[in-house]
N, C-alpha and C. Protein backbone atom coordinates (compact mmCIF):
# COMPACT_ATOMS: atom_id res chain seq x y z
N UNK A 1 -11.29 11.53 -5.73
CA UNK A 1 -10.99 10.13 -5.49
C UNK A 1 -9.72 10.01 -4.65
N UNK A 2 -9.76 9.19 -3.64
CA UNK A 2 -8.60 8.97 -2.78
C UNK A 2 -7.54 8.19 -3.54
N UNK A 3 -6.27 8.61 -3.38
CA UNK A 3 -5.17 7.90 -4.01
C UNK A 3 -4.31 7.26 -2.93
N UNK A 4 -4.16 5.94 -3.02
CA UNK A 4 -3.27 5.21 -2.13
C UNK A 4 -2.02 4.83 -2.90
N UNK A 5 -0.94 4.66 -2.18
CA UNK A 5 0.33 4.31 -2.79
C UNK A 5 0.83 3.00 -2.19
N UNK A 6 1.27 2.11 -3.05
CA UNK A 6 1.85 0.84 -2.62
C UNK A 6 3.33 0.85 -2.96
N UNK A 7 4.17 0.78 -1.93
CA UNK A 7 5.61 0.63 -2.11
C UNK A 7 5.85 -0.86 -2.32
N UNK A 8 6.53 -1.21 -3.38
CA UNK A 8 6.49 -2.55 -3.97
C UNK A 8 7.88 -2.95 -4.42
N UNK A 9 8.10 -4.24 -4.52
CA UNK A 9 9.28 -4.80 -5.20
C UNK A 9 8.79 -5.91 -6.11
N UNK A 10 9.28 -5.94 -7.31
CA UNK A 10 8.82 -6.91 -8.30
C UNK A 10 9.06 -8.35 -7.84
N UNK A 11 10.17 -8.61 -7.17
CA UNK A 11 10.52 -9.98 -6.77
C UNK A 11 9.93 -10.38 -5.41
N UNK A 12 9.13 -9.52 -4.81
CA UNK A 12 8.63 -9.72 -3.44
C UNK A 12 7.26 -10.38 -3.46
N UNK A 13 7.17 -11.59 -2.92
CA UNK A 13 5.88 -12.30 -2.92
C UNK A 13 4.85 -11.61 -2.02
N UNK A 14 5.29 -11.01 -0.91
CA UNK A 14 4.37 -10.26 -0.05
C UNK A 14 3.79 -9.06 -0.79
N UNK A 15 4.62 -8.44 -1.62
CA UNK A 15 4.17 -7.27 -2.40
C UNK A 15 3.07 -7.67 -3.38
N UNK A 16 3.29 -8.78 -4.08
CA UNK A 16 2.29 -9.26 -5.04
C UNK A 16 1.00 -9.66 -4.31
N UNK A 17 1.14 -10.28 -3.14
CA UNK A 17 -0.04 -10.69 -2.37
C UNK A 17 -0.84 -9.46 -1.94
N UNK A 18 -0.16 -8.40 -1.47
CA UNK A 18 -0.88 -7.21 -1.05
C UNK A 18 -1.55 -6.53 -2.24
N UNK A 19 -0.83 -6.41 -3.35
CA UNK A 19 -1.42 -5.79 -4.54
C UNK A 19 -2.68 -6.55 -4.97
N UNK A 20 -2.60 -7.86 -4.99
CA UNK A 20 -3.75 -8.67 -5.42
C UNK A 20 -4.91 -8.56 -4.43
N UNK A 21 -4.61 -8.48 -3.14
CA UNK A 21 -5.66 -8.35 -2.12
C UNK A 21 -6.33 -6.98 -2.17
N UNK A 22 -5.61 -5.98 -2.67
CA UNK A 22 -6.16 -4.63 -2.76
C UNK A 22 -7.15 -4.48 -3.92
N UNK A 23 -7.03 -5.29 -4.94
CA UNK A 23 -7.87 -5.13 -6.13
C UNK A 23 -9.37 -5.15 -5.83
N UNK A 24 -9.91 -6.15 -5.12
CA UNK A 24 -11.34 -6.12 -4.85
C UNK A 24 -11.76 -4.94 -3.97
N UNK A 25 -10.89 -4.52 -3.07
CA UNK A 25 -11.19 -3.36 -2.23
C UNK A 25 -11.18 -2.08 -3.06
N UNK A 26 -10.28 -2.02 -4.02
CA UNK A 26 -10.22 -0.87 -4.91
C UNK A 26 -11.52 -0.77 -5.72
N UNK A 27 -12.01 -1.90 -6.19
CA UNK A 27 -13.28 -1.90 -6.92
C UNK A 27 -14.43 -1.51 -6.01
N UNK A 28 -14.44 -1.99 -4.78
CA UNK A 28 -15.54 -1.71 -3.85
C UNK A 28 -15.54 -0.26 -3.37
N UNK A 29 -14.36 0.31 -3.11
CA UNK A 29 -14.28 1.64 -2.52
C UNK A 29 -13.90 2.73 -3.52
N UNK A 30 -13.42 2.35 -4.69
CA UNK A 30 -13.14 3.32 -5.73
C UNK A 30 -11.91 4.19 -5.51
N UNK A 31 -10.92 3.71 -4.78
CA UNK A 31 -9.69 4.49 -4.62
C UNK A 31 -8.74 4.20 -5.78
N UNK A 32 -7.88 5.16 -6.03
CA UNK A 32 -6.83 5.00 -7.03
C UNK A 32 -5.63 4.36 -6.34
N UNK A 33 -4.94 3.47 -7.04
CA UNK A 33 -3.76 2.82 -6.47
C UNK A 33 -2.56 3.08 -7.36
N UNK A 34 -1.57 3.73 -6.77
CA UNK A 34 -0.32 4.01 -7.46
C UNK A 34 0.74 3.08 -6.89
N UNK A 35 1.49 2.44 -7.76
CA UNK A 35 2.49 1.46 -7.31
C UNK A 35 3.88 1.97 -7.68
N UNK A 36 4.75 2.00 -6.69
CA UNK A 36 6.14 2.40 -6.90
C UNK A 36 7.05 1.25 -6.55
N UNK A 37 7.98 0.93 -7.43
CA UNK A 37 9.01 -0.06 -7.13
C UNK A 37 10.14 0.66 -6.40
N UNK A 38 10.33 0.35 -5.14
CA UNK A 38 11.33 1.06 -4.33
C UNK A 38 12.74 0.89 -4.88
N UNK A 39 12.98 -0.17 -5.62
CA UNK A 39 14.32 -0.39 -6.16
C UNK A 39 14.64 0.54 -7.32
N UNK A 40 13.65 1.28 -7.81
CA UNK A 40 13.87 2.25 -8.89
C UNK A 40 14.25 3.62 -8.36
N UNK A 41 14.24 3.81 -7.05
CA UNK A 41 14.50 5.12 -6.47
C UNK A 41 15.28 4.93 -5.17
N UNK A 42 16.49 5.45 -5.13
CA UNK A 42 17.37 5.26 -3.97
C UNK A 42 16.75 5.81 -2.68
N UNK A 43 16.05 6.93 -2.76
CA UNK A 43 15.43 7.51 -1.56
C UNK A 43 14.31 6.61 -1.04
N UNK A 44 13.47 6.10 -1.96
CA UNK A 44 12.40 5.19 -1.53
C UNK A 44 12.97 3.90 -0.97
N UNK A 45 14.02 3.40 -1.60
CA UNK A 45 14.64 2.16 -1.12
C UNK A 45 15.20 2.36 0.29
N UNK A 46 15.85 3.49 0.51
CA UNK A 46 16.42 3.76 1.83
C UNK A 46 15.32 3.90 2.89
N UNK A 47 14.20 4.50 2.52
CA UNK A 47 13.13 4.76 3.48
C UNK A 47 12.29 3.52 3.79
N UNK A 48 12.01 2.70 2.77
CA UNK A 48 11.06 1.59 2.94
C UNK A 48 11.69 0.21 2.80
N UNK A 49 12.97 0.12 2.66
CA UNK A 49 13.68 -1.11 2.32
C UNK A 49 13.13 -2.37 2.98
N UNK A 50 13.18 -2.46 4.28
CA UNK A 50 12.77 -3.69 4.98
C UNK A 50 11.28 -3.74 5.30
N UNK A 51 10.54 -2.70 4.98
CA UNK A 51 9.12 -2.65 5.30
C UNK A 51 8.21 -3.09 4.15
N UNK A 52 8.73 -3.10 2.92
CA UNK A 52 7.86 -3.38 1.78
C UNK A 52 7.22 -4.75 1.91
N UNK A 53 5.99 -4.86 1.46
CA UNK A 53 5.17 -3.81 0.88
C UNK A 53 4.63 -2.85 1.95
N UNK A 54 4.48 -1.59 1.55
CA UNK A 54 3.94 -0.57 2.44
C UNK A 54 2.78 0.11 1.71
N UNK A 55 1.64 0.20 2.38
CA UNK A 55 0.48 0.90 1.83
C UNK A 55 0.36 2.25 2.51
N UNK A 56 0.31 3.30 1.70
CA UNK A 56 0.29 4.67 2.21
C UNK A 56 -0.87 5.47 1.63
N UNK A 57 -1.28 6.47 2.39
CA UNK A 57 -2.13 7.54 1.87
C UNK A 57 -1.36 8.80 2.18
N UNK A 58 -0.77 9.39 1.15
CA UNK A 58 0.15 10.51 1.38
C UNK A 58 1.32 10.00 2.21
N UNK A 59 1.55 10.64 3.34
CA UNK A 59 2.64 10.22 4.24
C UNK A 59 2.15 9.29 5.34
N UNK A 60 0.85 9.01 5.35
CA UNK A 60 0.27 8.16 6.40
C UNK A 60 0.40 6.69 6.02
N UNK A 61 1.11 5.93 6.85
CA UNK A 61 1.22 4.49 6.62
C UNK A 61 -0.03 3.80 7.14
N UNK A 62 -0.68 3.05 6.27
CA UNK A 62 -1.86 2.28 6.66
C UNK A 62 -1.44 0.90 7.16
N UNK A 63 -0.52 0.26 6.44
CA UNK A 63 0.00 -1.04 6.88
C UNK A 63 1.25 -1.38 6.08
N UNK A 64 1.99 -2.36 6.59
CA UNK A 64 3.14 -2.88 5.85
C UNK A 64 3.24 -4.39 6.07
N UNK A 65 3.98 -5.03 5.20
CA UNK A 65 4.19 -6.49 5.14
C UNK A 65 2.95 -7.26 4.70
N UNK A 66 1.82 -7.05 5.39
CA UNK A 66 0.58 -7.75 5.03
C UNK A 66 -0.56 -6.73 5.03
N UNK A 67 -1.53 -6.93 4.15
CA UNK A 67 -2.68 -6.05 4.13
C UNK A 67 -3.49 -6.22 5.40
N UNK A 68 -3.68 -5.13 6.10
CA UNK A 68 -4.56 -5.11 7.27
C UNK A 68 -5.90 -4.59 6.77
N UNK A 69 -6.74 -5.51 6.32
CA UNK A 69 -7.99 -5.12 5.67
C UNK A 69 -8.90 -4.34 6.61
N UNK A 70 -8.97 -4.74 7.87
CA UNK A 70 -9.82 -4.03 8.84
C UNK A 70 -9.35 -2.59 9.01
N UNK A 71 -8.07 -2.41 9.11
CA UNK A 71 -7.50 -1.06 9.26
C UNK A 71 -7.74 -0.23 8.01
N UNK A 72 -7.57 -0.83 6.84
CA UNK A 72 -7.80 -0.11 5.59
C UNK A 72 -9.27 0.28 5.46
N UNK A 73 -10.17 -0.64 5.77
CA UNK A 73 -11.61 -0.33 5.70
C UNK A 73 -11.96 0.83 6.66
N UNK A 74 -11.40 0.79 7.86
CA UNK A 74 -11.65 1.87 8.82
C UNK A 74 -11.08 3.19 8.29
N UNK A 75 -9.91 3.16 7.70
CA UNK A 75 -9.30 4.35 7.15
C UNK A 75 -10.16 4.92 6.03
N UNK A 76 -10.61 4.06 5.13
CA UNK A 76 -11.42 4.50 4.01
C UNK A 76 -12.77 5.04 4.48
N UNK A 77 -13.24 4.58 5.61
CA UNK A 77 -14.51 5.05 6.18
C UNK A 77 -14.32 6.35 6.97
N UNK A 78 -13.08 6.83 7.05
CA UNK A 78 -12.81 8.09 7.72
C UNK A 78 -12.56 7.97 9.21
N UNK A 79 -12.35 6.75 9.67
CA UNK A 79 -12.06 6.55 11.08
C UNK A 79 -10.56 6.72 11.32
N UNK A 80 -10.20 7.05 12.51
CA UNK A 80 -8.78 7.25 12.85
C UNK A 80 -8.03 5.93 12.71
N UNK A 81 -6.81 6.05 12.21
CA UNK A 81 -5.95 4.86 12.06
C UNK A 81 -4.86 4.94 13.09
């Protein structure tokens, strides 16, 4: 099963919107979603501070700020991102 990571902040409305938009796609495609609050880790905060929310697969950034559903669907289908 593919595991995606969402870099998140609890007080961030864009983060909550992306997490919520990912739920139906997670059900449809069956990927695992791991959520990290960047404010809990100084290294993550330094790396992703102004970009959150950020959706990743490993080190590959799929999108940030807003869910790019077309890009995510293409990525999940194995197409180049």
